[in-house]
Amino acid sequence: MRPVTITEAAANHVRRYLDNRGSGLGIRVGVRTSGCSGMAYVLEFVDETEAVDEVFEGHGVKVVVDPKSMVYLEGTELDFVKEGLNEGFEFKNPNVSGECGCGESFTV
């Protein structure tokens, strides 16, 4: 199994949010059925992990993935990018075979 990784820029962003929040172990990355292509990414802060979760660490931040999402996220890199006035997380997922035109969802 290939790990889900996080870039230094993304880890710094998550760490700032966790510090402002005052608690949390890291960030949970998952997928859900949505959009016109079928799957969408889900991000949320993690206060505790489940026994079945895969936990990866990069740049001092834990990335938690549930087993159902891991099938779609294996080998994905989570980055945080700023382009002009826009900023946000970017997923570099080697499993994606197509994306919808609006960028909200993907297929594997």
PDB file of N, CA and C in Angstrom:
ATOM      1  N   MET A   1       0.845  -1.176   0.000  1.00  0.00           N
ATOM      2  CA  MET A   1       0.000   0.000   0.000  1.00  0.00           C
ATOM      3  C   MET A   1       0.895   1.246   0.000  1.00  0.00           C
ATOM      4  N   ARG A   2       0.553   2.183  -0.884  1.00  0.00           N
ATOM      5  CA  ARG A   2       1.282   3.454  -0.944  1.00  0.00           C
ATOM      6  C   ARG A   2       0.646   4.451   0.013  1.00  0.00           C
ATOM      7  N   PRO A   3       1.432   5.175   0.779  1.00  0.00           N
ATOM      8  CA  PRO A   3       0.879   6.097   1.778  1.00  0.00           C
ATOM      9  C   PRO A   3       0.258   7.341   1.154  1.00  0.00           C
ATOM     10  N   VAL A   4      -0.621   7.969   1.919  1.00  0.00           N
ATOM     11  CA  VAL A   4      -1.117   9.300   1.595  1.00  0.00           C
ATOM     12  C   VAL A   4      -0.129  10.267   2.245  1.00  0.00           C
ATOM     13  N   THR A   5       0.407  11.199   1.453  1.00  0.00           N
ATOM     14  CA  THR A   5       1.423  12.114   1.958  1.00  0.00           C
ATOM     15  C   THR A   5       0.895  13.540   1.995  1.00  0.00           C
ATOM     16  N   ILE A   6       1.598  14.389   2.723  1.00  0.00           N
ATOM     17  CA  ILE A   6       1.234  15.790   2.865  1.00  0.00           C
ATOM     18  C   ILE A   6       2.486  16.631   2.650  1.00  0.00           C
ATOM     19  N   THR A   7       2.364  17.695   1.870  1.00  0.00           N
ATOM     20  CA  THR A   7       3.508  18.565   1.628  1.00  0.00           C
ATOM     21  C   THR A   7       3.735  19.461   2.843  1.00  0.00           C
ATOM     22  N   GLU A   8       4.895  20.075   2.871  1.00  0.00           N
ATOM     23  CA  GLU A   8       5.207  20.985   3.982  1.00  0.00           C
ATOM     24  C   GLU A   8       4.224  22.155   4.020  1.00  0.00           C
ATOM     25  N   ALA A   9       3.853  22.689   2.859  1.00  0.00           N
ATOM     26  CA  ALA A   9       2.900  23.811   2.806  1.00  0.00           C
ATOM     27  C   ALA A   9       1.547  23.407   3.384  1.00  0.00           C
ATOM     28  N   ALA A  10       1.067  22.221   3.030  1.00  0.00           N
ATOM     29  CA  ALA A  10      -0.216  21.745   3.551  1.00  0.00           C
ATOM     30  C   ALA A  10      -0.125  21.467   5.048  1.00  0.00           C
ATOM     31  N   ALA A  11       0.977  20.872   5.482  1.00  0.00           N
ATOM     32  CA  ALA A  11       1.163  20.576   6.905  1.00  0.00           C
ATOM     33  C   ALA A  11       1.191  21.866   7.718  1.00  0.00           C
ATOM     34  N   ASN A  12       1.872  22.887   7.222  1.00  0.00           N
ATOM     35  CA  ASN A  12       1.908  24.175   7.923  1.00  0.00           C
ATOM     36  C   ASN A  12       0.513  24.767   8.040  1.00  0.00           C
ATOM     37  N   HIS A  13      -0.283  24.677   6.987  1.00  0.00           N
ATOM     38  CA  HIS A  13      -1.644  25.208   7.006  1.00  0.00           C
ATOM     39  C   HIS A  13      -2.501  24.454   8.026  1.00  0.00           C
ATOM     40  N   VAL A  14      -2.419  23.128   8.011  1.00  0.00           N
ATOM     41  CA  VAL A  14      -3.187  22.318   8.962  1.00  0.00           C
ATOM     42  C   VAL A  14      -2.746  22.626  10.393  1.00  0.00           C
ATOM     43  N   ARG A  15      -1.436  22.723  10.611  1.00  0.00           N
ATOM     44  CA  ARG A  15      -0.922  22.997  11.955  1.00  0.00           C
ATOM     45  C   ARG A  15      -1.431  24.342  12.488  1.00  0.00           C
ATOM     46  N   ARG A  16      -1.472  25.370  11.619  1.00  0.00           N
ATOM     47  CA  ARG A  16      -1.999  26.685  12.043  1.00  0.00           C
ATOM     48  C   ARG A  16      -3.459  26.572  12.478  1.00  0.00           C
ATOM     49  N   TYR A  17      -4.252  25.835  11.703  1.00  0.00           N
ATOM     50  CA  TYR A  17      -5.656  25.654  12.063  1.00  0.00           C
ATOM     51  C   TYR A  17      -5.814  24.876  13.359  1.00  0.00           C
ATOM     52  N   LEU A  18      -5.016  23.828  13.547  1.00  0.00           N
ATOM     53  CA  LEU A  18      -5.086  23.058  14.783  1.00  0.00           C
ATOM     54  C   LEU A  18      -4.678  23.916  15.978  1.00  0.00           C
ATOM     55  N   ASP A  19      -3.650  24.747  15.814  1.00  0.00           N
ATOM     56  CA  ASP A  19      -3.223  25.643  16.887  1.00  0.00           C
ATOM     57  C   ASP A  19      -4.330  26.630  17.237  1.00  0.00           C
ATOM     58  N   ASN A  20      -4.970  27.221  16.229  1.00  0.00           N
ATOM     59  CA  ASN A  20      -6.072  28.165  16.463  1.00  0.00           C
ATOM     60  C   ASN A  20      -7.268  27.472  17.096  1.00  0.00           C
ATOM     61  N   ARG A  21      -7.497  26.248  16.719  1.00  0.00           N
ATOM     62  CA  ARG A  21      -8.610  25.453  17.243  1.00  0.00           C
ATOM     63  C   ARG A  21      -8.351  25.048  18.691  1.00  0.00           C
ATOM     64  N   GLY A  22      -7.076  24.863  19.027  1.00  0.00           N
ATOM     65  CA  GLY A  22      -6.708  24.508  20.387  1.00  0.00           C
ATOM     66  C   GLY A  22      -6.667  23.018  20.668  1.00  0.00           C
ATOM     67  N   SER A  23      -7.012  22.190  19.686  1.00  0.00           N
ATOM     68  CA  SER A  23      -6.970  20.746  19.880  1.00  0.00           C
ATOM     69  C   SER A  23      -6.971  20.062  18.518  1.00  0.00           C
ATOM     70  N   GLY A  24      -6.738  18.756  18.553  1.00  0.00           N
ATOM     71  CA  GLY A  24      -6.786  17.958  17.335  1.00  0.00           C
ATOM     72  C   GLY A  24      -5.509  17.192  17.099  1.00  0.00           C
ATOM     73  N   LEU A  25      -5.663  16.001  16.498  1.00  0.00           N
ATOM     74  CA  LEU A  25      -4.516  15.143  16.197  1.00  0.00           C
ATOM     75  C   LEU A  25      -3.963  15.410  14.803  1.00  0.00           C
ATOM     76  N   GLY A  26      -4.828  15.850  13.895  1.00  0.00           N
ATOM     77  CA  GLY A  26      -4.416  16.042  12.513  1.00  0.00           C
ATOM     78  C   GLY A  26      -5.627  16.256  11.639  1.00  0.00           C
ATOM     79  N   ILE A  27      -5.537  15.754  10.408  1.00  0.00           N
ATOM     80  CA  ILE A  27      -6.617  15.955   9.447  1.00  0.00           C
ATOM     81  C   ILE A  27      -7.033  14.607   8.853  1.00  0.00           C
ATOM     82  N   ARG A  28      -8.349  14.440   8.715  1.00  0.00           N
ATOM     83  CA  ARG A  28      -8.896  13.243   8.091  1.00  0.00           C
ATOM     84  C   ARG A  28      -9.177  13.565   6.629  1.00  0.00           C
ATOM     85  N   VAL A  29      -8.696  12.689   5.745  1.00  0.00           N
ATOM     86  CA  VAL A  29      -8.929  12.833   4.317  1.00  0.00           C
ATOM     87  C   VAL A  29      -9.790  11.653   3.895  1.00  0.00           C
ATOM     88  N   GLY A  30     -10.878  11.943   3.204  1.00  0.00           N
ATOM     89  CA  GLY A  30     -11.762  10.883   2.756  1.00  0.00           C
ATOM     90  C   GLY A  30     -12.402  11.225   1.431  1.00  0.00           C
ATOM     91  N   VAL A  31     -13.252  10.342   0.963  1.00  0.00           N
ATOM     92  CA  VAL A  31     -14.023  10.580  -0.251  1.00  0.00           C
ATOM     93  C   VAL A  31     -15.479  10.255   0.036  1.00  0.00           C
ATOM     94  N   ARG A  32     -16.362  10.894  -0.724  1.00  0.00           N
ATOM     95  CA  ARG A  32     -17.789  10.596  -0.637  1.00  0.00           C
ATOM     96  C   ARG A  32     -18.365  10.659  -2.046  1.00  0.00           C
ATOM     97  N   THR A  33     -19.497  10.042  -2.237  1.00  0.00           N
ATOM     98  CA  THR A  33     -20.170  10.078  -3.528  1.00  0.00           C
ATOM     99  C   THR A  33     -20.784  11.460  -3.694  1.00  0.00           C
ATOM    100  N   SER A  34     -20.449  12.112  -4.813  1.00  0.00           N
ATOM    101  CA  SER A  34     -20.938  13.472  -5.023  1.00  0.00           C
ATOM    102  C   SER A  34     -20.575  13.958  -6.415  1.00  0.00           C
ATOM    103  N   GLY A  35     -21.202  15.036  -6.818  1.00  0.00           N
ATOM    104  CA  GLY A  35     -20.822  15.713  -8.047  1.00  0.00           C
ATOM    105  C   GLY A  35     -21.189  14.948  -9.301  1.00  0.00           C
ATOM    106  N   CYS A  36     -20.785  15.524 -10.426  1.00  0.00           N
ATOM    107  CA  CYS A  36     -21.157  14.932 -11.718  1.00  0.00           C
ATOM    108  C   CYS A  36     -20.216  13.811 -12.145  1.00  0.00           C
ATOM    109  N   SER A  37     -19.047  13.676 -11.504  1.00  0.00           N
ATOM    110  CA  SER A  37     -18.127  12.596 -11.868  1.00  0.00           C
ATOM    111  C   SER A  37     -18.165  11.426 -10.900  1.00  0.00           C
ATOM    112  N   GLY A  38     -18.756  11.603  -9.724  1.00  0.00           N
ATOM    113  CA  GLY A  38     -18.939  10.465  -8.845  1.00  0.00           C
ATOM    114  C   GLY A  38     -18.351  10.559  -7.451  1.00  0.00           C
ATOM    115  N   MET A  39     -17.122  11.089  -7.298  1.00  0.00           N
ATOM    116  CA  MET A  39     -16.468  11.119  -5.992  1.00  0.00           C
ATOM    117  C   MET A  39     -15.979  12.542  -5.693  1.00  0.00           C
ATOM    118  N   ALA A  40     -16.017  12.927  -4.414  1.00  0.00           N
ATOM    119  CA  ALA A  40     -15.490  14.219  -3.991  1.00  0.00           C
ATOM    120  C   ALA A  40     -14.654  14.013  -2.735  1.00  0.00           C
ATOM    121  N   TYR A  41     -13.643  14.856  -2.568  1.00  0.00           N
ATOM    122  CA  TYR A  41     -12.782  14.784  -1.387  1.00  0.00           C
ATOM    123  C   TYR A  41     -13.472  15.422  -0.188  1.00  0.00           C
ATOM    124  N   VAL A  42     -13.183  14.880   0.991  1.00  0.00           N
ATOM    125  CA  VAL A  42     -13.709  15.400   2.243  1.00  0.00           C
ATOM    126  C   VAL A  42     -12.528  15.584   3.187  1.00  0.00           C
ATOM    127  N   LEU A  43     -12.446  16.755   3.813  1.00  0.00           N
ATOM    128  CA  LEU A  43     -11.411  17.043   4.802  1.00  0.00           C
ATOM    129  C   LEU A  43     -12.073  17.458   6.104  1.00  0.00           C
ATOM    130  N   GLU A  44     -11.558  16.956   7.223  1.00  0.00           N
ATOM    131  CA  GLU A  44     -12.055  17.387   8.530  1.00  0.00           C
ATOM    132  C   GLU A  44     -10.962  17.178   9.567  1.00  0.00           C
ATOM    133  N   PHE A  45     -11.024  17.954  10.620  1.00  0.00           N
ATOM    134  CA  PHE A  45     -10.053  17.796  11.690  1.00  0.00           C
ATOM    135  C   PHE A  45     -10.349  16.533  12.476  1.00  0.00           C
ATOM    136  N   VAL A  46      -9.308  15.924  13.015  1.00  0.00           N
ATOM    137  CA  VAL A  46      -9.435  14.664  13.739  1.00  0.00           C
ATOM    138  C   VAL A  46      -9.053  14.886  15.198  1.00  0.00           C
ATOM    139  N   ASP A  47      -9.960  14.488  16.094  1.00  0.00           N
ATOM    140  CA  ASP A  47      -9.666  14.543  17.520  1.00  0.00           C
ATOM    141  C   ASP A  47      -9.272  13.170  18.053  1.00  0.00           C
ATOM    142  N   GLU A  48      -9.768  12.121  17.397  1.00  0.00           N
ATOM    143  CA  GLU A  48      -9.374  10.761  17.765  1.00  0.00           C
ATOM    144  C   GLU A  48      -9.499   9.864  16.542  1.00  0.00           C
ATOM    145  N   THR A  49      -8.705   8.818  16.522  1.00  0.00           N
ATOM    146  CA  THR A  49      -8.728   7.890  15.392  1.00  0.00           C
ATOM    147  C   THR A  49      -9.505   6.638  15.763  1.00  0.00           C
ATOM    148  N   GLU A  50      -9.938   5.933  14.741  1.00  0.00           N
ATOM    149  CA  GLU A  50     -10.603   4.645  14.916  1.00  0.00           C
ATOM    150  C   GLU A  50      -9.551   3.546  14.726  1.00  0.00           C
ATOM    151  N   ALA A  51      -9.778   2.383  15.281  1.00  0.00           N
ATOM    152  CA  ALA A  51      -8.823   1.274  15.188  1.00  0.00           C
ATOM    153  C   ALA A  51      -8.548   0.863  13.743  1.00  0.00           C
ATOM    154  N   VAL A  52      -9.515   1.046  12.847  1.00  0.00           N
ATOM    155  CA  VAL A  52      -9.363   0.620  11.455  1.00  0.00           C
ATOM    156  C   VAL A  52      -8.707   1.681  10.562  1.00  0.00           C
ATOM    157  N   ASP A  53      -8.519   2.896  11.079  1.00  0.00           N
ATOM    158  CA  ASP A  53      -7.945   3.985  10.288  1.00  0.00           C
ATOM    159  C   ASP A  53      -6.491   3.722   9.922  1.00  0.00           C
ATOM    160  N   GLU A  54      -6.104   4.191   8.738  1.00  0.00           N
ATOM    161  CA  GLU A  54      -4.697   4.252   8.358  1.00  0.00           C
ATOM    162  C   GLU A  54      -4.211   5.633   8.791  1.00  0.00           C
ATOM    163  N   VAL A  55      -3.066   5.690   9.477  1.00  0.00           N
ATOM    164  CA  VAL A  55      -2.532   6.963   9.940  1.00  0.00           C
ATOM    165  C   VAL A  55      -1.136   7.143   9.367  1.00  0.00           C
ATOM    166  N   PHE A  56      -0.949   8.258   8.669  1.00  0.00           N
ATOM    167  CA  PHE A  56       0.341   8.607   8.079  1.00  0.00           C
ATOM    168  C   PHE A  56       0.764   9.927   8.703  1.00  0.00           C
ATOM    169  N   GLU A  57       2.058  10.177   8.729  1.00  0.00           N
ATOM    170  CA  GLU A  57       2.530  11.443   9.299  1.00  0.00           C
ATOM    171  C   GLU A  57       3.539  12.068   8.357  1.00  0.00           C
ATOM    172  N   GLY A  58       3.413  13.382   8.207  1.00  0.00           N
ATOM    173  CA  GLY A  58       4.351  14.119   7.378  1.00  0.00           C
ATOM    174  C   GLY A  58       4.508  15.526   7.904  1.00  0.00           C
ATOM    175  N   HIS A  59       5.736  15.967   8.054  1.00  0.00           N
ATOM    176  CA  HIS A  59       6.037  17.325   8.522  1.00  0.00           C
ATOM    177  C   HIS A  59       5.324  17.622   9.843  1.00  0.00           C
ATOM    178  N   GLY A  60       5.226  16.604  10.706  1.00  0.00           N
ATOM    179  CA  GLY A  60       4.650  16.786  12.036  1.00  0.00           C
ATOM    180  C   GLY A  60       3.132  16.785  12.090  1.00  0.00           C
ATOM    181  N   VAL A  61       2.460  16.426  10.996  1.00  0.00           N
ATOM    182  CA  VAL A  61       0.996  16.411  10.954  1.00  0.00           C
ATOM    183  C   VAL A  61       0.518  15.000  10.608  1.00  0.00           C
ATOM    184  N   LYS A  62      -0.478  14.515  11.350  1.00  0.00           N
ATOM    185  CA  LYS A  62      -1.063  13.211  11.070  1.00  0.00           C
ATOM    186  C   LYS A  62      -2.142  13.350   9.994  1.00  0.00           C
ATOM    187  N   VAL A  63      -2.106  12.424   9.038  1.00  0.00           N
ATOM    188  CA  VAL A  63      -3.125  12.321   8.004  1.00  0.00           C
ATOM    189  C   VAL A  63      -3.834  10.999   8.231  1.00  0.00           C
ATOM    190  N   VAL A  64      -5.142  11.059   8.476  1.00  0.00           N
ATOM    191  CA  VAL A  64      -5.933   9.883   8.832  1.00  0.00           C
ATOM    192  C   VAL A  64      -6.878   9.554   7.679  1.00  0.00           C
ATOM    193  N   VAL A  65      -6.917   8.271   7.294  1.00  0.00           N
ATOM    194  CA  VAL A  65      -7.757   7.827   6.184  1.00  0.00           C
ATOM    195  C   VAL A  65      -8.516   6.570   6.602  1.00  0.00           C
ATOM    196  N   ASP A  66      -9.837   6.569   6.391  1.00  0.00           N
ATOM    197  CA  ASP A  66     -10.623   5.381   6.706  1.00  0.00           C
ATOM    198  C   ASP A  66     -10.412   4.331   5.604  1.00  0.00           C
ATOM    199  N   PRO A  67     -10.631   3.049   5.910  1.00  0.00           N
ATOM    200  CA  PRO A  67     -10.337   1.983   4.947  1.00  0.00           C
ATOM    201  C   PRO A  67     -11.109   2.095   3.625  1.00  0.00           C
ATOM    202  N   LYS A  68     -12.361   2.539   3.656  1.00  0.00           N
ATOM    203  CA  LYS A  68     -13.141   2.654   2.424  1.00  0.00           C
ATOM    204  C   LYS A  68     -12.562   3.727   1.510  1.00  0.00           C
ATOM    205  N   SER A  69     -12.091   4.830   2.076  1.00  0.00           N
ATOM    206  CA  SER A  69     -11.504   5.913   1.282  1.00  0.00           C
ATOM    207  C   SER A  69     -10.110   5.569   0.800  1.00  0.00           C
ATOM    208  N   MET A  70      -9.403   4.736   1.550  1.00  0.00           N
ATOM    209  CA  MET A  70      -8.018   4.399   1.213  1.00  0.00           C
ATOM    210  C   MET A  70      -7.910   3.778  -0.170  1.00  0.00           C
ATOM    211  N   VAL A  71      -8.923   3.026  -0.570  1.00  0.00           N
ATOM    212  CA  VAL A  71      -8.942   2.403  -1.890  1.00  0.00           C
ATOM    213  C   VAL A  71      -8.787   3.462  -2.986  1.00  0.00           C
ATOM    214  N   TYR A  72      -9.398   4.629  -2.786  1.00  0.00           N
ATOM    215  CA  TYR A  72      -9.384   5.701  -3.779  1.00  0.00           C
ATOM    216  C   TYR A  72      -8.232   6.685  -3.588  1.00  0.00           C
ATOM    217  N   LEU A  73      -7.643   6.700  -2.396  1.00  0.00           N
ATOM    218  CA  LEU A  73      -6.640   7.719  -2.063  1.00  0.00           C
ATOM    219  C   LEU A  73      -5.208   7.205  -2.008  1.00  0.00           C
ATOM    220  N   GLU A  74      -5.013   5.912  -2.167  1.00  0.00           N
ATOM    221  CA  GLU A  74      -3.666   5.349  -2.061  1.00  0.00           C
ATOM    222  C   GLU A  74      -2.695   6.092  -2.988  1.00  0.00           C
ATOM    223  N   GLY A  75      -1.590   6.575  -2.417  1.00  0.00           N
ATOM    224  CA  GLY A  75      -0.568   7.272  -3.188  1.00  0.00           C
ATOM    225  C   GLY A  75      -0.834   8.754  -3.410  1.00  0.00           C
ATOM    226  N   THR A  76      -1.911   9.284  -2.842  1.00  0.00           N
ATOM    227  CA  THR A  76      -2.270  10.696  -3.029  1.00  0.00           C
ATOM    228  C   THR A  76      -1.363  11.609  -2.210  1.00  0.00           C
ATOM    229  N   GLU A  77      -1.036  12.766  -2.789  1.00  0.00           N
ATOM    230  CA  GLU A  77      -0.299  13.806  -2.074  1.00  0.00           C
ATOM    231  C   GLU A  77      -1.242  14.982  -1.854  1.00  0.00           C
ATOM    232  N   LEU A  78      -1.325  15.431  -0.609  1.00  0.00           N
ATOM    233  CA  LEU A  78      -2.150  16.581  -0.245  1.00  0.00           C
ATOM    234  C   LEU A  78      -1.242  17.806  -0.188  1.00  0.00           C
ATOM    235  N   ASP A  79      -1.577  18.825  -0.980  1.00  0.00           N
ATOM    236  CA  ASP A  79      -0.780  20.049  -1.041  1.00  0.00           C
ATOM    237  C   ASP A  79      -1.680  21.229  -0.716  1.00  0.00           C
ATOM    238  N   PHE A  80      -1.089  22.359  -0.385  1.00  0.00           N
ATOM    239  CA  PHE A  80      -1.830  23.606  -0.179  1.00  0.00           C
ATOM    240  C   PHE A  80      -1.208  24.636  -1.090  1.00  0.00           C
ATOM    241  N   VAL A  81      -2.015  25.199  -1.992  1.00  0.00           N
ATOM    242  CA  VAL A  81      -1.493  26.116  -2.996  1.00  0.00           C
ATOM    243  C   VAL A  81      -2.197  27.464  -2.925  1.00  0.00           C
ATOM    244  N   LYS A  82      -1.439  28.501  -3.269  1.00  0.00           N
ATOM    245  CA  LYS A  82      -1.968  29.861  -3.382  1.00  0.00           C
ATOM    246  C   LYS A  82      -1.716  30.324  -4.801  1.00  0.00           C
ATOM    247  N   GLU A  83      -2.792  30.734  -5.463  1.00  0.00           N
ATOM    248  CA  GLU A  83      -2.690  31.273  -6.813  1.00  0.00           C
ATOM    249  C   GLU A  83      -3.463  32.577  -6.848  1.00  0.00           C
ATOM    250  N   GLY A  84      -2.734  33.698  -6.823  1.00  0.00           N
ATOM    251  CA  GLY A  84      -3.400  34.991  -6.776  1.00  0.00           C
ATOM    252  C   GLY A  84      -4.170  35.133  -5.480  1.00  0.00           C
ATOM    253  N   LEU A  85      -5.458  35.442  -5.601  1.00  0.00           N
ATOM    254  CA  LEU A  85      -6.305  35.590  -4.410  1.00  0.00           C
ATOM    255  C   LEU A  85      -6.887  34.266  -3.942  1.00  0.00           C
ATOM    256  N   ASN A  86      -6.735  33.224  -4.743  1.00  0.00           N
ATOM    257  CA  ASN A  86      -7.281  31.910  -4.394  1.00  0.00           C
ATOM    258  C   ASN A  86      -6.250  31.061  -3.668  1.00  0.00           C
ATOM    259  N   GLU A  87      -6.723  30.326  -2.682  1.00  0.00           N
ATOM    260  CA  GLU A  87      -5.867  29.375  -1.989  1.00  0.00           C
ATOM    261  C   GLU A  87      -6.712  28.191  -1.563  1.00  0.00           C
ATOM    262  N   GLY A  88      -6.067  27.040  -1.462  1.00  0.00           N
ATOM    263  CA  GLY A  88      -6.802  25.866  -1.028  1.00  0.00           C
ATOM    264  C   GLY A  88      -5.986  24.601  -1.173  1.00  0.00           C
ATOM    265  N   PHE A  89      -6.579  23.515  -0.706  1.00  0.00           N
ATOM    266  CA  PHE A  89      -5.921  22.217  -0.799  1.00  0.00           C
ATOM    267  C   PHE A  89      -6.027  21.687  -2.221  1.00  0.00           C
ATOM    268  N   GLU A  90      -4.978  21.016  -2.641  1.00  0.00           N
ATOM    269  CA  GLU A  90      -4.930  20.392  -3.962  1.00  0.00           C
ATOM    270  C   GLU A  90      -4.544  18.941  -3.758  1.00  0.00           C
ATOM    271  N   PHE A  91      -5.250  18.045  -4.437  1.00  0.00           N
ATOM    272  CA  PHE A  91      -5.002  16.615  -4.323  1.00  0.00           C
ATOM    273  C   PHE A  91      -4.303  16.133  -5.576  1.00  0.00           C
ATOM    274  N   LYS A  92      -3.136  15.530  -5.406  1.00  0.00           N
ATOM    275  CA  LYS A  92      -2.417  14.912  -6.514  1.00  0.00           C
ATOM    276  C   LYS A  92      -2.614  13.409  -6.356  1.00  0.00           C
ATOM    277  N   ASN A  93      -3.688  12.920  -7.014  1.00  0.00           N
ATOM    278  CA  ASN A  93      -4.142  11.554  -6.827  1.00  0.00           C
ATOM    279  C   ASN A  93      -3.842  10.740  -8.084  1.00  0.00           C
ATOM    280  N   PRO A  94      -2.917   9.781  -8.000  1.00  0.00           N
ATOM    281  CA  PRO A  94      -2.564   8.982  -9.171  1.00  0.00           C
ATOM    282  C   PRO A  94      -3.668   8.023  -9.621  1.00  0.00           C
ATOM    283  N   ASN A  95      -4.709   7.859  -8.821  1.00  0.00           N
ATOM    284  CA  ASN A  95      -5.794   6.937  -9.138  1.00  0.00           C
ATOM    285  C   ASN A  95      -6.893   7.555  -9.990  1.00  0.00           C
ATOM    286  N   VAL A  96      -6.894   8.875 -10.136  1.00  0.00           N
ATOM    287  CA  VAL A  96      -7.962   9.571 -10.847  1.00  0.00           C
ATOM    288  C   VAL A  96      -7.863   9.306 -12.344  1.00  0.00           C
ATOM    289  N   SER A  97      -8.995   8.892 -12.928  1.00  0.00           N
ATOM    290  CA  SER A  97      -9.025   8.665 -14.371  1.00  0.00           C
ATOM    291  C   SER A  97      -9.735   9.792 -15.108  1.00  0.00           C
ATOM    292  N   GLY A  98     -10.504  10.613 -14.373  1.00  0.00           N
ATOM    293  CA  GLY A  98     -11.184  11.746 -14.987  1.00  0.00           C
ATOM    294  C   GLY A  98     -11.751  12.668 -13.935  1.00  0.00           C
ATOM    295  N   GLU A  99     -11.948  13.936 -14.322  1.00  0.00           N
ATOM    296  CA  GLU A  99     -12.524  14.936 -13.422  1.00  0.00           C
ATOM    297  C   GLU A  99     -13.638  15.667 -14.155  1.00  0.00           C
ATOM    298  N   CYS A 100     -14.573  16.195 -13.386  1.00  0.00           N
ATOM    299  CA  CYS A 100     -15.634  16.968 -14.016  1.00  0.00           C
ATOM    300  C   CYS A 100     -15.087  18.355 -14.379  1.00  0.00           C
ATOM    301  N   GLY A 101     -15.793  19.055 -15.230  1.00  0.00           N
ATOM    302  CA  GLY A 101     -15.352  20.362 -15.694  1.00  0.00           C
ATOM    303  C   GLY A 101     -15.259  21.410 -14.604  1.00  0.00           C
ATOM    304  N   CYS A 102     -16.097  21.303 -13.573  1.00  0.00           N
ATOM    305  CA  CYS A 102     -16.075  22.310 -12.516  1.00  0.00           C
ATOM    306  C   CYS A 102     -15.021  22.006 -11.452  1.00  0.00           C
ATOM    307  N   GLY A 103     -14.409  20.818 -11.510  1.00  0.00           N
ATOM    308  CA  GLY A 103     -13.354  20.476 -10.567  1.00  0.00           C
ATOM    309  C   GLY A 103     -13.841  19.998  -9.209  1.00  0.00           C
ATOM    310  N   GLU A 104     -15.137  19.787  -9.076  1.00  0.00           N
ATOM    311  CA  GLU A 104     -15.701  19.375  -7.784  1.00  0.00           C
ATOM    312  C   GLU A 104     -15.633  17.882  -7.524  1.00  0.00           C
ATOM    313  N   SER A 105     -15.527  17.082  -8.584  1.00  0.00           N
ATOM    314  CA  SER A 105     -15.556  15.637  -8.374  1.00  0.00           C
ATOM    315  C   SER A 105     -14.645  14.929  -9.367  1.00  0.00           C
ATOM    316  N   PHE A 106     -14.426  13.633  -9.108  1.00  0.00           N
ATOM    317  CA  PHE A 106     -13.508  12.845  -9.928  1.00  0.00           C
ATOM    318  C   PHE A 106     -13.986  11.408 -10.046  1.00  0.00           C
ATOM    319  N   THR A 107     -13.407  10.680 -10.997  1.00  0.00           N
ATOM    320  CA  THR A 107     -13.672   9.250 -11.140  1.00  0.00           C
ATOM    321  C   THR A 107     -12.358   8.496 -11.024  1.00  0.00           C
ATOM    322  N   VAL A 108     -12.453   7.259 -10.602  1.00  0.00           N
ATOM    323  CA  VAL A 108     -11.283   6.400 -10.460  1.00  0.00           C
ATOM    324  C   VAL A 108     -11.430   5.231 -11.409  1.00  0.00           C
TER     325      VAL A 108
END
